[in-house]
C-alpha atoms as a PDB file:
ATOM      1  CA  UNK A   1     -74.205  12.774  40.396  1.00  0.00           C
ATOM      2  CA  UNK A   2     -71.526  10.556  41.971  1.00  0.00           C
ATOM      3  CA  UNK A   3     -67.983  11.899  42.197  1.00  0.00           C
ATOM      4  CA  UNK A   4     -65.563   9.059  41.438  1.00  0.00           C
ATOM      5  CA  UNK A   5     -62.528   8.694  43.703  1.00  0.00           C
ATOM      6  CA  UNK A   6     -59.733   6.288  44.647  1.00  0.00           C
ATOM      7  CA  UNK A   7     -58.706   5.485  48.210  1.00  0.00           C
ATOM      8  CA  UNK A   8     -55.887   3.162  49.223  1.00  0.00           C
ATOM      9  CA  UNK A   9     -56.053   1.822  52.771  1.00  0.00           C
ATOM     10  CA  UNK A  10     -52.376   1.590  53.784  1.00  0.00           C
ATOM     11  CA  UNK A  11     -53.269  -0.806  56.615  1.00  0.00           C
ATOM     12  CA  UNK A  12     -54.360  -3.408  54.056  1.00  0.00           C
ATOM     13  CA  UNK A  13     -51.951  -2.975  51.113  1.00  0.00           C
ATOM     14  CA  UNK A  14     -49.480  -5.890  50.878  1.00  0.00           C
ATOM     15  CA  UNK A  15     -47.497  -4.598  47.861  1.00  0.00           C
ATOM     16  CA  UNK A  16     -48.594  -7.476  45.623  1.00  0.00           C
ATOM     17  CA  UNK A  17     -48.789  -5.173  42.557  1.00  0.00           C
ATOM     18  CA  UNK A  18     -51.970  -6.875  41.282  1.00  0.00           C
ATOM     19  CA  UNK A  19     -53.431  -3.389  40.672  1.00  0.00           C
ATOM     20  CA  UNK A  20     -50.450  -2.423  38.499  1.00  0.00           C
ATOM     21  CA  UNK A  21     -50.600  -5.651  36.481  1.00  0.00           C
ATOM     22  CA  UNK A  22     -54.383  -5.489  36.046  1.00  0.00           C
ATOM     23  CA  UNK A  23     -54.159  -1.939  34.706  1.00  0.00           C
ATOM     24  CA  UNK A  24     -51.355  -2.724  32.258  1.00  0.00           C
ATOM     25  CA  UNK A  25     -53.154  -5.815  30.926  1.00  0.00           C
ATOM     26  CA  UNK A  26     -56.643  -4.296  30.696  1.00  0.00           C
ATOM     27  CA  UNK A  27     -55.513  -1.222  28.777  1.00  0.00           C
ATOM     28  CA  UNK A  28     -52.484  -2.619  26.932  1.00  0.00           C
ATOM     29  CA  UNK A  29     -50.406   0.209  28.393  1.00  0.00           C
ATOM     30  CA  UNK A  30     -47.135   0.720  26.463  1.00  0.00           C
ATOM     31  CA  UNK A  31     -43.814  -0.416  27.907  1.00  0.00           C
ATOM     32  CA  UNK A  32     -42.284   2.228  30.164  1.00  0.00           C
ATOM     33  CA  UNK A  33     -45.614   3.686  31.306  1.00  0.00           C
ATOM     34  CA  UNK A  34     -47.297   2.772  34.578  1.00  0.00           C
ATOM     35  CA  UNK A  35     -50.687   4.366  35.053  1.00  0.00           C
ATOM     36  CA  UNK A  36     -50.671   2.905  38.557  1.00  0.00           C
ATOM     37  CA  UNK A  37     -47.737   2.063  40.809  1.00  0.00           C
ATOM     38  CA  UNK A  38     -47.186   0.881  44.365  1.00  0.00           C
ATOM     39  CA  UNK A  39     -45.006   3.123  46.532  1.00  0.00           C
ATOM     40  CA  UNK A  40     -43.417   1.700  49.701  1.00  0.00           C
ATOM     41  CA  UNK A  41     -42.290   3.914  52.568  1.00  0.00           C
ATOM     42  CA  UNK A  42     -39.746   2.720  55.168  1.00  0.00           C
ATOM     43  CA  UNK A  43     -39.077  -0.416  53.130  1.00  0.00           C
ATOM     44  CA  UNK A  44     -37.920  -3.259  55.384  1.00  0.00           C
ATOM     45  CA  UNK A  45     -38.157  -1.206  58.580  1.00  0.00           C
ATOM     46  CA  UNK A  46     -40.734  -1.118  61.377  1.00  0.00           C
ATOM     47  CA  UNK A  47     -43.663   0.972  60.233  1.00  0.00           C
ATOM     48  CA  UNK A  48     -43.247  -0.011  56.570  1.00  0.00           C
ATOM     49  CA  UNK A  49     -46.286   0.961  54.502  1.00  0.00           C
ATOM     50  CA  UNK A  50     -47.252   0.540  50.875  1.00  0.00           C
ATOM     51  CA  UNK A  51     -49.807   2.538  48.957  1.00  0.00           C
ATOM     52  CA  UNK A  52     -51.151   2.143  45.439  1.00  0.00           C
ATOM     53  CA  UNK A  53     -50.949   5.447  43.547  1.00  0.00           C
ATOM     54  CA  UNK A  54     -52.375   6.765  40.293  1.00  0.00           C
ATOM     55  CA  UNK A  55     -54.162   9.885  39.125  1.00  0.00           C
ATOM     56  CA  UNK A  56     -56.370  11.067  41.996  1.00  0.00           C
ATOM     57  CA  UNK A  57     -58.801  12.873  39.650  1.00  0.00           C
ATOM     58  CA  UNK A  58     -58.523  16.125  41.582  1.00  0.00           C
ATOM     59  CA  UNK A  59     -61.418  18.527  41.904  1.00  0.00           C
ATOM     60  CA  UNK A  60     -59.161  21.413  40.861  1.00  0.00           C
ATOM     61  CA  UNK A  61     -56.572  19.446  38.869  1.00  0.00           C
ATOM     62  CA  UNK A  62     -53.154  21.158  38.689  1.00  0.00           C
ATOM     63  CA  UNK A  63     -52.353  19.292  35.458  1.00  0.00           C
ATOM     64  CA  UNK A  64     -55.331  20.962  33.785  1.00  0.00           C
ATOM     65  CA  UNK A  65     -54.371  24.365  35.182  1.00  0.00           C
ATOM     66  CA  UNK A  66     -50.920  24.350  33.533  1.00  0.00           C
ATOM     67  CA  UNK A  67     -51.800  22.695  30.207  1.00  0.00           C
ATOM     68  CA  UNK A  68     -51.162  25.270  27.440  1.00  0.00           C
ATOM     69  CA  UNK A  69     -53.484  23.519  24.945  1.00  0.00           C
ATOM     70  CA  UNK A  70     -56.355  22.687  27.350  1.00  0.00           C
ATOM     71  CA  UNK A  71     -56.292  18.971  26.597  1.00  0.00           C
ATOM     72  CA  UNK A  72     -57.699  18.087  30.060  1.00  0.00           C
ATOM     73  CA  UNK A  73     -61.393  17.932  30.871  1.00  0.00           C
ATOM     74  CA  UNK A  74     -63.517  16.649  33.741  1.00  0.00           C
ATOM     75  CA  UNK A  75     -66.471  14.312  33.173  1.00  0.00           C
ATOM     76  CA  UNK A  76     -69.812  14.589  34.964  1.00  0.00           C
ATOM     77  CA  UNK A  77     -68.538  11.887  37.362  1.00  0.00           C
ATOM     78  CA  UNK A  78     -65.505  13.996  38.296  1.00  0.00           C
ATOM     79  CA  UNK A  79     -63.008  11.902  36.326  1.00  0.00           C
ATOM     80  CA  UNK A  80     -60.125  13.967  34.906  1.00  0.00           C
ATOM     81  CA  UNK A  81     -59.393  12.863  31.341  1.00  0.00           C
ATOM     82  CA  UNK A  82     -57.298  14.237  28.491  1.00  0.00           C
ATOM     83  CA  UNK A  83     -57.246  14.301  24.719  1.00  0.00           C
ATOM     84  CA  UNK A  84     -54.202  12.731  23.089  1.00  0.00           C
ATOM     85  CA  UNK A  85     -55.129  14.508  19.872  1.00  0.00           C
ATOM     86  CA  UNK A  86     -54.598  17.887  21.559  1.00  0.00           C
ATOM     87  CA  UNK A  87     -51.565  16.934  23.698  1.00  0.00           C
ATOM     88  CA  UNK A  88     -48.259  18.414  22.482  1.00  0.00           C
ATOM     89  CA  UNK A  89     -46.008  16.530  24.938  1.00  0.00           C
ATOM     90  CA  UNK A  90     -44.698  19.666  26.683  1.00  0.00           C
ATOM     91  CA  UNK A  91     -44.515  17.956  30.101  1.00  0.00           C
ATOM     92  CA  UNK A  92     -46.022  20.791  32.171  1.00  0.00           C
ATOM     93  CA  UNK A  93     -48.659  18.427  33.584  1.00  0.00           C
ATOM     94  CA  UNK A  94     -45.926  16.013  34.652  1.00  0.00           C
ATOM     95  CA  UNK A  95     -44.239  18.696  36.750  1.00  0.00           C
ATOM     96  CA  UNK A  96     -47.510  20.079  38.154  1.00  0.00           C
ATOM     97  CA  UNK A  97     -48.990  16.757  39.333  1.00  0.00           C
ATOM     98  CA  UNK A  98     -48.127  15.943  42.976  1.00  0.00           C
ATOM     99  CA  UNK A  99     -48.917  12.257  42.361  1.00  0.00           C
ATOM    100  CA  UNK A 100     -46.704  11.723  39.294  1.00  0.00           C
ATOM    101  CA  UNK A 101     -49.704  10.562  37.275  1.00  0.00           C
ATOM    102  CA  UNK A 102     -48.869  11.925  33.805  1.00  0.00           C
ATOM    103  CA  UNK A 103     -46.403   9.633  32.056  1.00  0.00           C
ATOM    104  CA  UNK A 104     -44.547   9.919  28.748  1.00  0.00           C
ATOM    105  CA  UNK A 105     -43.507   6.996  26.509  1.00  0.00           C
ATOM    106  CA  UNK A 106     -40.258   8.636  25.385  1.00  0.00           C
ATOM    107  CA  UNK A 107     -37.481  10.423  27.212  1.00  0.00           C
ATOM    108  CA  UNK A 108     -35.883  13.213  25.260  1.00  0.00           C
ATOM    109  CA  UNK A 109     -35.772  16.900  24.560  1.00  0.00           C
ATOM    110  CA  UNK A 110     -38.717  19.270  24.626  1.00  0.00           C
ATOM    111  CA  UNK A 111     -41.392  18.144  22.173  1.00  0.00           C
ATOM    112  CA  UNK A 112     -39.929  14.678  21.579  1.00  0.00           C
ATOM    113  CA  UNK A 113     -41.585  12.961  24.519  1.00  0.00           C
ATOM    114  CA  UNK A 114     -44.669  11.787  22.678  1.00  0.00           C
ATOM    115  CA  UNK A 115     -48.255  12.001  23.909  1.00  0.00           C
ATOM    116  CA  UNK A 116     -48.932  12.025  27.631  1.00  0.00           C
ATOM    117  CA  UNK A 117     -50.661   9.009  29.175  1.00  0.00           C
ATOM    118  CA  UNK A 118     -52.319   8.715  32.577  1.00  0.00           C
ATOM    119  CA  UNK A 119     -54.921   6.822  34.585  1.00  0.00           C
ATOM    120  CA  UNK A 120     -58.378   7.237  33.084  1.00  0.00           C
ATOM    121  CA  UNK A 121     -60.317   5.653  35.989  1.00  0.00           C
ATOM    122  CA  UNK A 122     -61.212   3.096  33.281  1.00  0.00           C
ATOM    123  CA  UNK A 123     -63.391   5.777  31.652  1.00  0.00           C
ATOM    124  CA  UNK A 124     -61.767   5.882  28.213  1.00  0.00           C
ATOM    125  CA  UNK A 125     -61.376   9.196  26.461  1.00  0.00           C
ATOM    126  CA  UNK A 126     -63.157  11.750  24.277  1.00  0.00           C
ATOM    127  CA  UNK A 127     -63.895   9.276  21.455  1.00  0.00           C
ATOM    128  CA  UNK A 128     -67.204   7.379  21.290  1.00  0.00           C
ATOM    129  CA  UNK A 129     -67.694   4.931  24.197  1.00  0.00           C
ATOM    130  CA  UNK A 130     -66.519   1.434  23.310  1.00  0.00           C
ATOM    131  CA  UNK A 131     -65.051   2.435  19.947  1.00  0.00           C
ATOM    132  CA  UNK A 132     -61.871   0.932  18.536  1.00  0.00           C
ATOM    133  CA  UNK A 133     -60.245   4.392  18.446  1.00  0.00           C
ATOM    134  CA  UNK A 134     -60.999   4.949  22.130  1.00  0.00           C
ATOM    135  CA  UNK A 135     -59.504   1.588  23.122  1.00  0.00           C
ATOM    136  CA  UNK A 136     -56.343   2.116  21.042  1.00  0.00           C
ATOM    137  CA  UNK A 137     -55.660   5.516  22.639  1.00  0.00           C
ATOM    138  CA  UNK A 138     -56.974   5.127  26.200  1.00  0.00           C
ATOM    139  CA  UNK A 139     -57.781   1.478  26.864  1.00  0.00           C
ATOM    140  CA  UNK A 140     -61.004  -0.119  28.061  1.00  0.00           C
ATOM    141  CA  UNK A 141     -63.971   2.037  29.081  1.00  0.00           C
ATOM    142  CA  UNK A 142     -65.260   0.005  32.033  1.00  0.00           C
ATOM    143  CA  UNK A 143     -67.344   2.874  33.457  1.00  0.00           C
ATOM    144  CA  UNK A 144     -69.461   2.937  30.286  1.00  0.00           C
ATOM    145  CA  UNK A 145     -70.110  -0.791  30.884  1.00  0.00           C
ATOM    146  CA  UNK A 146     -71.243  -0.085  34.458  1.00  0.00           C
ATOM    147  CA  UNK A 147     -68.055  -1.522  35.994  1.00  0.00           C
ATOM    148  CA  UNK A 148     -65.482  -0.044  38.363  1.00  0.00           C
ATOM    149  CA  UNK A 149     -61.745   0.271  37.535  1.00  0.00           C
ATOM    150  CA  UNK A 150     -60.085  -3.129  37.262  1.00  0.00           C
ATOM    151  CA  UNK A 151     -57.213  -2.173  39.573  1.00  0.00           C
ATOM    152  CA  UNK A 152     -59.651  -1.916  42.503  1.00  0.00           C
ATOM    153  CA  UNK A 153     -61.565  -5.038  41.498  1.00  0.00           C
ATOM    154  CA  UNK A 154     -58.333  -7.079  41.414  1.00  0.00           C
ATOM    155  CA  UNK A 155     -57.111  -5.919  44.844  1.00  0.00           C
ATOM    156  CA  UNK A 156     -57.091  -9.128  46.910  1.00  0.00           C
ATOM    157  CA  UNK A 157     -57.087  -7.352  50.287  1.00  0.00           C
ATOM    158  CA  UNK A 158     -59.617  -4.693  49.202  1.00  0.00           C
ATOM    159  CA  UNK A 159     -57.035  -2.085  50.114  1.00  0.00           C
ATOM    160  CA  UNK A 160     -57.680  -0.139  46.910  1.00  0.00           C
ATOM    161  CA  UNK A 161     -61.206   1.211  46.740  1.00  0.00           C
ATOM    162  CA  UNK A 162     -62.727   2.980  43.729  1.00  0.00           C
ATOM    163  CA  UNK A 163     -66.137   4.445  43.057  1.00  0.00           C
ATOM    164  CA  UNK A 164     -68.476   7.095  44.437  1.00  0.00           C
ATOM    165  CA  UNK A 165     -66.461   9.216  46.874  1.00  0.00           C
ATOM    166  CA  UNK A 166     -69.253   9.240  49.479  1.00  0.00           C
ATOM    167  CA  UNK A 167     -69.522   5.438  49.521  1.00  0.00           C
ATOM    168  CA  UNK A 168     -65.725   5.028  49.628  1.00  0.00           C
ATOM    169  CA  UNK A 169     -65.515   7.453  52.564  1.00  0.00           C
ATOM    170  CA  UNK A 170     -68.221   5.517  54.435  1.00  0.00           C
ATOM    171  CA  UNK A 171     -66.428   2.190  53.898  1.00  0.00           C
ATOM    172  CA  UNK A 172     -63.194   3.691  55.218  1.00  0.00           C
ATOM    173  CA  UNK A 173     -64.998   5.260  58.207  1.00  0.00           C
ATOM    174  CA  UNK A 174     -66.407   1.836  59.127  1.00  0.00           C
ATOM    175  CA  UNK A 175     -62.944   0.284  58.892  1.00  0.00           C
ATOM    176  CA  UNK A 176     -61.443   2.954  61.158  1.00  0.00           C
ATOM    177  CA  UNK A 177     -64.215   2.507  63.750  1.00  0.00           C
ATOM    178  CA  UNK A 178     -63.721  -1.271  63.706  1.00  0.00           C
ATOM    179  CA  UNK A 179     -59.944  -0.925  64.108  1.00  0.00           C
ATOM    180  CA  UNK A 180     -60.215   1.791  66.705  1.00  0.00           C
ATOM    181  CA  UNK A 181     -57.715   4.053  64.933  1.00  0.00           C
ATOM    182  CA  UNK A 182     -56.951   5.606  61.566  1.00  0.00           C
ATOM    183  CA  UNK A 183     -54.070   5.065  59.179  1.00  0.00           C
ATOM    184  CA  UNK A 184     -51.930   7.453  61.226  1.00  0.00           C
ATOM    185  CA  UNK A 185     -51.262   4.531  63.573  1.00  0.00           C
ATOM    186  CA  UNK A 186     -50.350   2.357  60.560  1.00  0.00           C
ATOM    187  CA  UNK A 187     -51.831  -0.765  62.116  1.00  0.00           C
ATOM    188  CA  UNK A 188     -48.479  -1.996  63.400  1.00  0.00           C
ATOM    189  CA  UNK A 189     -49.810  -2.827  66.898  1.00  0.00           C
ATOM    190  CA  UNK A 190     -52.670  -4.868  65.460  1.00  0.00           C
ATOM    191  CA  UNK A 191     -50.560  -6.794  62.959  1.00  0.00           C
ATOM    192  CA  UNK A 192     -47.591  -7.582  65.239  1.00  0.00           C
ATOM    193  CA  UNK A 193     -49.014  -6.982  68.725  1.00  0.00           C
ATOM    194  CA  UNK A 194     -46.184  -4.560  69.397  1.00  0.00           C
ATOM    195  CA  UNK A 195     -45.965  -0.884  70.094  1.00  0.00           C
ATOM    196  CA  UNK A 196     -44.321   1.711  67.906  1.00  0.00           C
ATOM    197  CA  UNK A 197     -41.684   3.829  69.616  1.00  0.00           C
ATOM    198  CA  UNK A 198     -41.422   7.410  68.426  1.00  0.00           C
END
């Protein structure tokens, strides 16, 4: 069975935020929550890079390890999902996640945060596929329709890749071979025909 993964090619990301907008519109994500965001490093300086970030659907998810009510589960495709019916809003997952994926609609004291929300890889939730209840809680279930996450489909530079981890890795390998280097070189020499001084 395929293991679904995201990969953002920092050499291609132009910080257009189309992935963020597509996600918010497709799932009607509440105000204040961003299931996906674009992070820019060295903003405005040589070597500036942007990367689109969301839940990475970890093999051994730290959010699931710390959840006191076991609201997280992993699908057969390797997508890490959660149950809003079980979530108590404790925030442990928020602190455990290195990617900042779990989000809360309210800011307040312990227990007043509301139900956690995060990227679902457009795979919905524990309710029946395509049901009204599933859409209201988790948004569209594009995987059940045979589609990939909309954030990756809307990426104009094809920086954000989503799908079977083996296929994604092969696409990235081909890009690296064609460029002659990996993302560690950031692509600065290719884009501006200059060298980076350490």
